[in-house]
Amino acid sequence: MKRRKKNMATGHREGIDVMTKAPSRQLDKFIVRLPDGMRARIDEASKVSKRTMNAEIVARLEASFKAEEDTRGLAFVRSVKDHATQTEPDTTIDARLTAIEKQLVVLNEKLLGKA
């Protein structure tokens, strides 16, 4: 930690201000207007979770974004499942696969000169 020297000519202090070099000071800052009572709720929650108020807010924001992502993922899985149950019956799919396999055998024989 470097001390700041006082410039005798100007009376101002010179040198490195250690506080401006702190990593948390370089992070994005955002001012939020909270509705009545919200600050007290955040303060209480931060005490229960043994975090700073800032850490509590960040943790809750992260949790809400994660829940949103999980919901979207679940919706995708449900849509795939719904689509799978609404498609052709297995017997039709099996018949189509058998036909494709036969076509592959014929094409393979033609390529190898066996036909």
N, C-alpha and C. Protein backbone atom coordinates (compact mmCIF):
# COMPACT_ATOMS: atom_id res chain seq x y z
N MET A 1 0.85 -1.17 0.00
CA MET A 1 0.00 0.00 0.00
C MET A 1 0.89 1.24 0.00
N LYS A 2 0.75 2.06 -0.99
CA LYS A 2 1.58 3.24 -1.12
C LYS A 2 0.88 4.44 -0.48
N ARG A 3 1.63 5.17 0.29
CA ARG A 3 1.06 6.37 0.90
C ARG A 3 1.01 7.49 -0.11
N ARG A 4 0.05 8.33 0.09
CA ARG A 4 -0.08 9.48 -0.79
C ARG A 4 0.67 10.66 -0.18
N LYS A 5 1.52 11.29 -0.97
CA LYS A 5 2.29 12.44 -0.49
C LYS A 5 1.52 13.72 -0.78
N LYS A 6 1.67 14.65 0.10
CA LYS A 6 1.01 15.94 -0.09
C LYS A 6 1.92 16.84 -0.91
N ASN A 7 1.39 17.35 -2.02
CA ASN A 7 2.12 18.29 -2.85
C ASN A 7 2.08 19.64 -2.14
N MET A 8 3.22 20.15 -1.78
CA MET A 8 3.28 21.40 -1.01
C MET A 8 2.80 22.59 -1.83
N ALA A 9 2.96 22.55 -3.15
CA ALA A 9 2.56 23.69 -3.98
C ALA A 9 1.04 23.77 -4.12
N THR A 10 0.39 22.61 -4.30
CA THR A 10 -1.06 22.63 -4.53
C THR A 10 -1.86 22.29 -3.29
N GLY A 11 -1.24 21.61 -2.36
CA GLY A 11 -1.96 21.18 -1.16
C GLY A 11 -2.73 19.88 -1.37
N HIS A 12 -2.70 19.34 -2.61
CA HIS A 12 -3.41 18.09 -2.91
C HIS A 12 -2.50 16.90 -2.67
N ARG A 13 -3.12 15.79 -2.42
CA ARG A 13 -2.36 14.56 -2.22
C ARG A 13 -2.10 13.90 -3.58
N GLU A 14 -0.93 13.31 -3.73
CA GLU A 14 -0.56 12.62 -4.96
C GLU A 14 -0.23 11.17 -4.65
N GLY A 15 -0.24 10.34 -5.66
CA GLY A 15 0.12 8.94 -5.49
C GLY A 15 -1.00 8.04 -5.93
N ILE A 16 -0.84 6.76 -5.62
CA ILE A 16 -1.82 5.77 -6.04
C ILE A 16 -2.89 5.65 -4.98
N ASP A 17 -4.12 5.75 -5.41
CA ASP A 17 -5.24 5.53 -4.49
C ASP A 17 -5.56 4.04 -4.54
N VAL A 18 -5.24 3.34 -3.46
CA VAL A 18 -5.40 1.89 -3.40
C VAL A 18 -6.85 1.49 -3.62
N MET A 19 -7.78 2.26 -3.15
CA MET A 19 -9.19 1.90 -3.25
C MET A 19 -9.67 1.79 -4.70
N THR A 20 -9.11 2.58 -5.60
CA THR A 20 -9.56 2.50 -7.00
C THR A 20 -9.03 1.25 -7.68
N LYS A 21 -8.06 0.58 -7.09
CA LYS A 21 -7.49 -0.62 -7.69
C LYS A 21 -8.19 -1.90 -7.22
N ALA A 22 -9.08 -1.81 -6.25
CA ALA A 22 -9.77 -2.99 -5.74
C ALA A 22 -10.65 -3.59 -6.83
N PRO A 23 -10.62 -4.93 -6.99
CA PRO A 23 -11.40 -5.58 -8.05
C PRO A 23 -12.89 -5.25 -7.99
N SER A 24 -13.45 -5.18 -6.79
CA SER A 24 -14.89 -4.90 -6.70
C SER A 24 -15.22 -3.49 -7.18
N ARG A 25 -14.27 -2.61 -7.13
CA ARG A 25 -14.50 -1.24 -7.59
C ARG A 25 -14.52 -1.18 -9.12
N GLN A 26 -13.97 -2.19 -9.78
CA GLN A 26 -13.92 -2.20 -11.23
C GLN A 26 -15.10 -2.93 -11.85
N LEU A 27 -15.96 -3.54 -11.03
CA LEU A 27 -17.11 -4.27 -11.54
C LEU A 27 -18.22 -3.30 -11.93
N ASP A 28 -19.15 -3.79 -12.76
CA ASP A 28 -20.29 -2.96 -13.16
C ASP A 28 -21.10 -2.55 -11.94
N LYS A 29 -21.55 -1.32 -11.96
CA LYS A 29 -22.41 -0.82 -10.89
C LYS A 29 -23.74 -0.45 -11.51
N PHE A 30 -24.80 -0.65 -10.74
CA PHE A 30 -26.14 -0.39 -11.24
C PHE A 30 -26.99 0.10 -10.08
N ILE A 31 -27.57 1.26 -10.22
CA ILE A 31 -28.42 1.80 -9.16
C ILE A 31 -29.85 1.32 -9.38
N VAL A 32 -30.45 0.79 -8.33
CA VAL A 32 -31.81 0.25 -8.41
C VAL A 32 -32.68 0.97 -7.39
N ARG A 33 -33.85 1.40 -7.83
CA ARG A 33 -34.82 1.98 -6.90
C ARG A 33 -35.70 0.84 -6.40
N LEU A 34 -35.68 0.62 -5.11
CA LEU A 34 -36.42 -0.49 -4.51
C LEU A 34 -37.78 -0.01 -4.00
N PRO A 35 -38.80 -0.85 -4.13
CA PRO A 35 -40.09 -0.47 -3.56
C PRO A 35 -40.02 -0.46 -2.03
N ASP A 36 -40.98 0.21 -1.42
CA ASP A 36 -41.02 0.30 0.04
C ASP A 36 -40.92 -1.09 0.68
N GLY A 37 -40.05 -1.21 1.65
CA GLY A 37 -39.92 -2.45 2.40
C GLY A 37 -38.97 -3.47 1.79
N MET A 38 -38.59 -3.29 0.55
CA MET A 38 -37.73 -4.27 -0.12
C MET A 38 -36.33 -4.28 0.49
N ARG A 39 -35.79 -3.12 0.81
CA ARG A 39 -34.44 -3.05 1.39
C ARG A 39 -34.40 -3.83 2.70
N ALA A 40 -35.42 -3.67 3.52
CA ALA A 40 -35.47 -4.38 4.80
C ALA A 40 -35.55 -5.89 4.58
N ARG A 41 -36.31 -6.31 3.58
CA ARG A 41 -36.42 -7.74 3.28
C ARG A 41 -35.08 -8.31 2.82
N ILE A 42 -34.38 -7.55 1.98
CA ILE A 42 -33.06 -7.99 1.51
C ILE A 42 -32.08 -8.04 2.68
N ASP A 43 -32.13 -7.03 3.53
CA ASP A 43 -31.26 -6.98 4.70
C ASP A 43 -31.49 -8.20 5.59
N GLU A 44 -32.74 -8.52 5.86
CA GLU A 44 -33.07 -9.68 6.71
C GLU A 44 -32.60 -10.98 6.06
N ALA A 45 -32.87 -11.13 4.76
CA ALA A 45 -32.46 -12.35 4.04
C ALA A 45 -30.94 -12.49 4.03
N SER A 46 -30.23 -11.37 3.89
CA SER A 46 -28.76 -11.43 3.87
C SER A 46 -28.20 -11.85 5.23
N LYS A 47 -28.87 -11.45 6.29
CA LYS A 47 -28.43 -11.86 7.63
C LYS A 47 -28.65 -13.35 7.84
N VAL A 48 -29.79 -13.85 7.38
CA VAL A 48 -30.10 -15.28 7.51
C VAL A 48 -29.10 -16.12 6.73
N SER A 49 -28.78 -15.68 5.52
CA SER A 49 -27.85 -16.45 4.67
C SER A 49 -26.39 -16.11 4.93
N LYS A 50 -26.15 -15.17 5.85
CA LYS A 50 -24.79 -14.76 6.23
C LYS A 50 -24.00 -14.25 5.02
N ARG A 51 -24.66 -13.39 4.24
CA ARG A 51 -24.02 -12.75 3.09
C ARG A 51 -24.20 -11.24 3.22
N THR A 52 -23.45 -10.53 2.42
CA THR A 52 -23.69 -9.09 2.33
C THR A 52 -24.99 -8.88 1.57
N MET A 53 -25.54 -7.68 1.68
CA MET A 53 -26.77 -7.40 0.94
C MET A 53 -26.52 -7.53 -0.56
N ASN A 54 -25.37 -7.06 -1.01
CA ASN A 54 -25.04 -7.16 -2.43
C ASN A 54 -24.96 -8.62 -2.86
N ALA A 55 -24.29 -9.45 -2.07
CA ALA A 55 -24.17 -10.88 -2.40
C ALA A 55 -25.54 -11.55 -2.40
N GLU A 56 -26.41 -11.13 -1.50
CA GLU A 56 -27.77 -11.69 -1.45
C GLU A 56 -28.54 -11.35 -2.72
N ILE A 57 -28.44 -10.09 -3.14
CA ILE A 57 -29.13 -9.66 -4.37
C ILE A 57 -28.61 -10.43 -5.57
N VAL A 58 -27.28 -10.54 -5.69
CA VAL A 58 -26.68 -11.26 -6.82
C VAL A 58 -27.09 -12.73 -6.80
N ALA A 59 -27.07 -13.36 -5.63
CA ALA A 59 -27.44 -14.78 -5.53
C ALA A 59 -28.89 -14.99 -5.96
N ARG A 60 -29.76 -14.08 -5.54
CA ARG A 60 -31.18 -14.23 -5.90
C ARG A 60 -31.40 -13.97 -7.39
N LEU A 61 -30.68 -13.04 -7.96
CA LEU A 61 -30.79 -12.82 -9.41
C LEU A 61 -30.30 -14.05 -10.17
N GLU A 62 -29.15 -14.59 -9.75
CA GLU A 62 -28.63 -15.80 -10.39
C GLU A 62 -29.64 -16.94 -10.31
N ALA A 63 -30.25 -17.12 -9.14
CA ALA A 63 -31.23 -18.19 -8.96
C ALA A 63 -32.44 -17.99 -9.87
N SER A 64 -32.87 -16.75 -10.03
CA SER A 64 -34.04 -16.52 -10.89
C SER A 64 -33.71 -16.78 -12.35
N PHE A 65 -32.50 -16.41 -12.79
CA PHE A 65 -32.11 -16.70 -14.17
C PHE A 65 -31.96 -18.20 -14.40
N LYS A 66 -31.39 -18.91 -13.41
CA LYS A 66 -31.24 -20.36 -13.52
C LYS A 66 -32.61 -21.03 -13.60
N ALA A 67 -33.55 -20.58 -12.78
CA ALA A 67 -34.90 -21.15 -12.80
C ALA A 67 -35.56 -20.92 -14.15
N GLU A 68 -35.33 -19.75 -14.71
CA GLU A 68 -35.89 -19.44 -16.04
C GLU A 68 -35.29 -20.36 -17.10
N GLU A 69 -33.98 -20.58 -17.05
CA GLU A 69 -33.32 -21.48 -18.00
C GLU A 69 -33.84 -22.91 -17.83
N ASP A 70 -33.99 -23.34 -16.57
CA ASP A 70 -34.50 -24.69 -16.31
C ASP A 70 -35.91 -24.85 -16.85
N THR A 71 -36.73 -23.81 -16.69
CA THR A 71 -38.10 -23.85 -17.19
C THR A 71 -38.12 -23.97 -18.71
N ARG A 72 -37.24 -23.20 -19.36
CA ARG A 72 -37.16 -23.29 -20.83
C ARG A 72 -36.70 -24.67 -21.26
N GLY A 73 -35.72 -25.24 -20.56
CA GLY A 73 -35.24 -26.58 -20.88
C GLY A 73 -36.32 -27.62 -20.69
N LEU A 74 -37.08 -27.49 -19.61
CA LEU A 74 -38.18 -28.42 -19.35
C LEU A 74 -39.25 -28.29 -20.41
N ALA A 75 -39.54 -27.07 -20.84
CA ALA A 75 -40.54 -26.86 -21.90
C ALA A 75 -40.08 -27.52 -23.20
N PHE A 76 -38.78 -27.44 -23.49
CA PHE A 76 -38.25 -28.08 -24.70
C PHE A 76 -38.41 -29.59 -24.62
N VAL A 77 -38.05 -30.16 -23.47
CA VAL A 77 -38.18 -31.61 -23.28
C VAL A 77 -39.64 -32.03 -23.44
N ARG A 78 -40.54 -31.26 -22.86
CA ARG A 78 -41.97 -31.58 -22.98
C ARG A 78 -42.43 -31.50 -24.43
N SER A 79 -41.95 -30.50 -25.17
CA SER A 79 -42.37 -30.38 -26.57
C SER A 79 -41.83 -31.55 -27.40
N VAL A 80 -40.61 -31.99 -27.12
CA VAL A 80 -40.06 -33.15 -27.83
C VAL A 80 -40.87 -34.39 -27.49
N LYS A 81 -41.18 -34.56 -26.21
CA LYS A 81 -41.97 -35.71 -25.78
C LYS A 81 -43.35 -35.69 -26.44
N ASP A 82 -44.00 -34.52 -26.44
CA ASP A 82 -45.31 -34.39 -27.08
C ASP A 82 -45.24 -34.72 -28.56
N HIS A 83 -44.20 -34.21 -29.22
CA HIS A 83 -44.03 -34.48 -30.65
C HIS A 83 -43.82 -35.97 -30.89
N ALA A 84 -43.03 -36.59 -30.05
CA ALA A 84 -42.74 -38.02 -30.21
C ALA A 84 -44.00 -38.86 -30.03
N THR A 85 -44.86 -38.46 -29.12
CA THR A 85 -46.08 -39.25 -28.89
C THR A 85 -47.15 -38.98 -29.94
N GLN A 86 -47.03 -37.87 -30.67
CA GLN A 86 -48.01 -37.54 -31.69
C GLN A 86 -47.59 -37.98 -33.08
N THR A 87 -46.43 -38.56 -33.23
CA THR A 87 -45.96 -38.98 -34.55
C THR A 87 -46.48 -40.37 -34.88
N GLU A 88 -45.95 -40.92 -35.94
CA GLU A 88 -46.41 -42.21 -36.44
C GLU A 88 -46.26 -43.32 -35.41
N PRO A 89 -47.14 -44.31 -35.46
CA PRO A 89 -46.98 -45.45 -34.56
C PRO A 89 -45.68 -46.20 -34.86
N ASP A 90 -45.20 -46.95 -33.89
CA ASP A 90 -43.94 -47.69 -34.04
C ASP A 90 -43.96 -48.66 -35.22
N THR A 91 -45.11 -49.26 -35.50
CA THR A 91 -45.17 -50.22 -36.61
C THR A 91 -44.86 -49.54 -37.94
N THR A 92 -45.34 -48.31 -38.11
CA THR A 92 -45.07 -47.58 -39.35
C THR A 92 -43.59 -47.23 -39.43
N ILE A 93 -43.02 -46.83 -38.33
CA ILE A 93 -41.60 -46.49 -38.31
C ILE A 93 -40.77 -47.73 -38.60
N ASP A 94 -41.12 -48.86 -38.00
CA ASP A 94 -40.39 -50.11 -38.26
C ASP A 94 -40.46 -50.49 -39.73
N ALA A 95 -41.63 -50.34 -40.34
CA ALA A 95 -41.78 -50.67 -41.76
C ALA A 95 -40.91 -49.77 -42.62
N ARG A 96 -40.87 -48.49 -42.28
CA ARG A 96 -40.04 -47.55 -43.05
C ARG A 96 -38.56 -47.87 -42.89
N LEU A 97 -38.15 -48.22 -41.68
CA LEU A 97 -36.75 -48.58 -41.45
C LEU A 97 -36.36 -49.84 -42.23
N THR A 98 -37.25 -50.81 -42.26
CA THR A 98 -36.99 -52.04 -43.02
C THR A 98 -36.83 -51.73 -44.49
N ALA A 99 -37.69 -50.86 -45.04
CA ALA A 99 -37.60 -50.48 -46.45
C ALA A 99 -36.28 -49.76 -46.74
N ILE A 100 -35.87 -48.88 -45.84
CA ILE A 100 -34.61 -48.15 -46.01
C ILE A 100 -33.43 -49.11 -45.95
N GLU A 101 -33.47 -50.06 -45.04
CA GLU A 101 -32.39 -51.05 -44.94
C GLU A 101 -32.27 -51.87 -46.22
N LYS A 102 -33.41 -52.24 -46.80
CA LYS A 102 -33.39 -53.00 -48.06
C LYS A 102 -32.79 -52.16 -49.17
N GLN A 103 -33.14 -50.87 -49.21
CA GLN A 103 -32.58 -49.99 -50.23
C GLN A 103 -31.07 -49.85 -50.06
N LEU A 104 -30.61 -49.79 -48.82
CA LEU A 104 -29.17 -49.70 -48.57
C LEU A 104 -28.44 -50.95 -49.03
N VAL A 105 -29.04 -52.11 -48.83
CA VAL A 105 -28.43 -53.37 -49.28
C VAL A 105 -28.29 -53.34 -50.79
N VAL A 106 -29.36 -52.93 -51.49
CA VAL A 106 -29.33 -52.87 -52.96
C VAL A 106 -28.27 -51.89 -53.43
N LEU A 107 -28.21 -50.71 -52.83
CA LEU A 107 -27.21 -49.72 -53.22
C LEU A 107 -25.79 -50.21 -52.95
N ASN A 108 -25.60 -50.87 -51.83
CA ASN A 108 -24.29 -51.40 -51.48
C ASN A 108 -23.85 -52.46 -52.49
N GLU A 109 -24.79 -53.31 -52.90
CA GLU A 109 -24.47 -54.34 -53.89
C GLU A 109 -24.10 -53.72 -55.22
N LYS A 110 -24.81 -52.66 -55.60
CA LYS A 110 -24.50 -51.97 -56.86
C LYS A 110 -23.12 -51.34 -56.81
N LEU A 111 -22.79 -50.75 -55.67
CA LEU A 111 -21.48 -50.11 -55.53
C LEU A 111 -20.35 -51.13 -55.58
N LEU A 112 -20.57 -52.29 -55.01
CA LEU A 112 -19.54 -53.31 -54.97
C LEU A 112 -19.55 -54.19 -56.22
N GLY A 113 -20.53 -53.96 -57.12
CA GLY A 113 -20.60 -54.71 -58.36
C GLY A 113 -21.20 -56.08 -58.23
N LYS A 114 -21.97 -56.33 -57.20
CA LYS A 114 -22.57 -57.65 -57.01
C LYS A 114 -23.93 -57.75 -57.67
N ALA A 115 -24.49 -56.66 -58.13
CA ALA A 115 -25.83 -56.72 -58.71
C ALA A 115 -25.79 -56.88 -60.19
